[in-house]
Amino acid sequence: MAPADLLDARSWAKSPVPALTGDPLHDPNWHTRAQKLGWKPDGTPDFGVPVADTVREGA
């Protein structure tokens, strides 16, 4: 796959379904987190397996 210019609107395609659902910033049952993601061969994000819910000591 050739590199795309992410600032060019022609490099983007709208998905028919949401990639993310809910609003974790306004839902007390959700927690915002970040983790690495990859890319599928078709160029869509591969979110992989969510990281486990853990609490770090001293956090």
N, C-alpha and C. Protein backbone atom coordinates (compact mmCIF):
# COMPACT_ATOMS: atom_id res chain seq x y z
N MET A 1 0.84 -1.16 0.00
CA MET A 1 0.00 0.00 0.00
C MET A 1 0.89 1.24 0.00
N ALA A 2 0.60 2.17 -0.87
CA ALA A 2 1.38 3.40 -0.95
C ALA A 2 1.02 4.32 0.21
N PRO A 3 1.98 5.11 0.69
CA PRO A 3 1.66 6.04 1.77
C PRO A 3 0.61 7.06 1.33
N ALA A 4 -0.25 7.45 2.24
CA ALA A 4 -1.30 8.40 1.92
C ALA A 4 -1.02 9.74 2.58
N ASP A 5 -1.50 10.80 1.96
CA ASP A 5 -1.42 12.13 2.54
C ASP A 5 -2.65 12.31 3.41
N LEU A 6 -2.49 12.20 4.73
CA LEU A 6 -3.63 12.25 5.64
C LEU A 6 -4.28 13.62 5.70
N LEU A 7 -3.65 14.64 5.16
CA LEU A 7 -4.24 15.97 5.11
C LEU A 7 -5.10 16.16 3.86
N ASP A 8 -5.06 15.19 2.97
CA ASP A 8 -5.84 15.25 1.73
C ASP A 8 -7.15 14.49 1.95
N ALA A 9 -8.28 15.18 1.81
CA ALA A 9 -9.59 14.56 2.04
C ALA A 9 -9.81 13.33 1.15
N ARG A 10 -9.18 13.28 -0.01
CA ARG A 10 -9.35 12.12 -0.90
C ARG A 10 -8.70 10.85 -0.34
N SER A 11 -7.86 10.99 0.69
CA SER A 11 -7.22 9.83 1.32
C SER A 11 -8.13 9.13 2.31
N TRP A 12 -9.29 9.71 2.59
CA TRP A 12 -10.20 9.19 3.61
C TRP A 12 -11.44 8.60 2.99
N ALA A 13 -11.98 7.56 3.62
CA ALA A 13 -13.25 6.95 3.23
C ALA A 13 -14.09 6.76 4.49
N LYS A 14 -15.35 7.15 4.44
CA LYS A 14 -16.23 7.03 5.60
C LYS A 14 -16.70 5.58 5.73
N SER A 15 -16.57 5.04 6.93
CA SER A 15 -17.05 3.69 7.21
C SER A 15 -18.56 3.71 7.40
N PRO A 16 -19.25 2.66 6.95
CA PRO A 16 -20.70 2.62 7.14
C PRO A 16 -21.10 2.34 8.60
N VAL A 17 -20.16 1.91 9.42
CA VAL A 17 -20.44 1.64 10.83
C VAL A 17 -19.40 2.38 11.69
N PRO A 18 -19.76 2.79 12.90
CA PRO A 18 -18.79 3.49 13.76
C PRO A 18 -17.63 2.59 14.15
N ALA A 19 -16.43 3.16 14.20
CA ALA A 19 -15.27 2.41 14.66
C ALA A 19 -15.28 2.33 16.18
N LEU A 20 -15.80 3.36 16.84
CA LEU A 20 -15.89 3.40 18.28
C LEU A 20 -17.34 3.68 18.66
N THR A 21 -17.77 3.17 19.80
CA THR A 21 -19.15 3.41 20.23
C THR A 21 -19.15 3.94 21.65
N GLY A 22 -20.21 4.61 22.03
CA GLY A 22 -20.34 5.13 23.38
C GLY A 22 -19.54 6.40 23.57
N ASP A 23 -19.62 6.96 24.74
CA ASP A 23 -18.87 8.16 25.09
C ASP A 23 -18.23 7.93 26.45
N PRO A 24 -17.01 7.37 26.49
CA PRO A 24 -16.39 7.01 27.76
C PRO A 24 -16.13 8.20 28.67
N LEU A 25 -16.09 9.42 28.13
CA LEU A 25 -15.84 10.57 28.97
C LEU A 25 -17.08 10.99 29.76
N HIS A 26 -18.26 10.53 29.32
CA HIS A 26 -19.49 10.91 30.00
C HIS A 26 -20.25 9.69 30.55
N ASP A 27 -19.61 8.55 30.61
CA ASP A 27 -20.23 7.32 31.13
C ASP A 27 -19.40 6.84 32.31
N PRO A 28 -19.93 6.92 33.54
CA PRO A 28 -19.13 6.54 34.70
C PRO A 28 -18.73 5.07 34.74
N ASN A 29 -19.33 4.25 33.89
CA ASN A 29 -18.97 2.83 33.86
C ASN A 29 -17.82 2.54 32.90
N TRP A 30 -17.38 3.53 32.15
CA TRP A 30 -16.30 3.37 31.19
C TRP A 30 -15.08 4.13 31.68
N HIS A 31 -13.92 3.71 31.24
CA HIS A 31 -12.68 4.38 31.58
C HIS A 31 -11.92 4.63 30.28
N THR A 32 -11.42 5.83 30.13
CA THR A 32 -10.64 6.16 28.95
C THR A 32 -9.27 5.52 29.08
N ARG A 33 -8.78 4.95 28.02
CA ARG A 33 -7.46 4.34 28.02
C ARG A 33 -6.87 4.42 26.62
N ALA A 34 -5.61 4.17 26.53
CA ALA A 34 -4.93 4.18 25.23
C ALA A 34 -4.11 2.92 25.10
N GLN A 35 -4.01 2.43 23.88
CA GLN A 35 -3.16 1.29 23.61
C GLN A 35 -2.76 1.33 22.15
N LYS A 36 -1.72 0.59 21.82
CA LYS A 36 -1.26 0.54 20.44
C LYS A 36 -2.32 -0.13 19.57
N LEU A 37 -2.39 0.28 18.32
CA LEU A 37 -3.24 -0.40 17.36
C LEU A 37 -2.46 -0.62 16.09
N GLY A 38 -2.96 -1.51 15.27
CA GLY A 38 -2.32 -1.81 14.00
C GLY A 38 -3.28 -1.50 12.86
N TRP A 39 -2.90 -1.92 11.68
CA TRP A 39 -3.71 -1.67 10.50
C TRP A 39 -3.95 -2.96 9.75
N LYS A 40 -5.16 -3.18 9.31
CA LYS A 40 -5.51 -4.35 8.52
C LYS A 40 -5.05 -4.12 7.08
N PRO A 41 -4.92 -5.18 6.28
CA PRO A 41 -4.47 -5.03 4.90
C PRO A 41 -5.36 -4.08 4.07
N ASP A 42 -6.64 -3.95 4.45
CA ASP A 42 -7.52 -3.06 3.68
C ASP A 42 -7.42 -1.61 4.13
N GLY A 43 -6.52 -1.32 5.10
CA GLY A 43 -6.30 0.05 5.54
C GLY A 43 -7.16 0.48 6.72
N THR A 44 -8.01 -0.39 7.23
CA THR A 44 -8.83 -0.05 8.38
C THR A 44 -8.08 -0.35 9.67
N PRO A 45 -8.44 0.32 10.77
CA PRO A 45 -7.71 0.08 12.02
C PRO A 45 -8.00 -1.30 12.60
N ASP A 46 -6.97 -1.91 13.17
CA ASP A 46 -7.09 -3.19 13.86
C ASP A 46 -6.85 -2.90 15.34
N PHE A 47 -7.95 -2.82 16.12
CA PHE A 47 -7.85 -2.45 17.52
C PHE A 47 -7.31 -3.58 18.39
N GLY A 48 -7.25 -4.79 17.86
CA GLY A 48 -6.71 -5.91 18.62
C GLY A 48 -7.54 -6.24 19.84
N VAL A 49 -6.90 -6.85 20.83
CA VAL A 49 -7.56 -7.25 22.06
C VAL A 49 -7.39 -6.12 23.08
N PRO A 50 -8.47 -5.65 23.71
CA PRO A 50 -8.32 -4.57 24.69
C PRO A 50 -7.40 -4.98 25.83
N VAL A 51 -6.63 -4.00 26.32
CA VAL A 51 -5.77 -4.28 27.46
C VAL A 51 -6.63 -4.56 28.68
N ALA A 52 -6.10 -5.31 29.62
CA ALA A 52 -6.85 -5.70 30.82
C ALA A 52 -7.04 -4.48 31.72
N ASP A 53 -8.13 -4.50 32.48
CA ASP A 53 -8.36 -3.48 33.50
C ASP A 53 -7.43 -3.77 34.67
N THR A 54 -6.49 -2.89 34.92
CA THR A 54 -5.57 -3.05 36.04
C THR A 54 -5.35 -1.69 36.68
N VAL A 55 -4.96 -1.71 37.93
CA VAL A 55 -4.62 -0.49 38.63
C VAL A 55 -3.16 -0.60 39.03
N ARG A 56 -2.37 0.39 38.63
CA ARG A 56 -0.95 0.38 38.99
C ARG A 56 -0.78 0.84 40.42
N GLU A 57 0.17 0.24 41.14
CA GLU A 57 0.47 0.66 42.50
C GLU A 57 0.98 2.10 42.47
N GLY A 58 0.50 2.91 43.39
CA GLY A 58 0.95 4.28 43.48
C GLY A 58 0.26 5.22 42.49
N ALA A 59 -0.69 4.71 41.73
CA ALA A 59 -1.37 5.55 40.75
C ALA A 59 -2.44 6.37 41.39
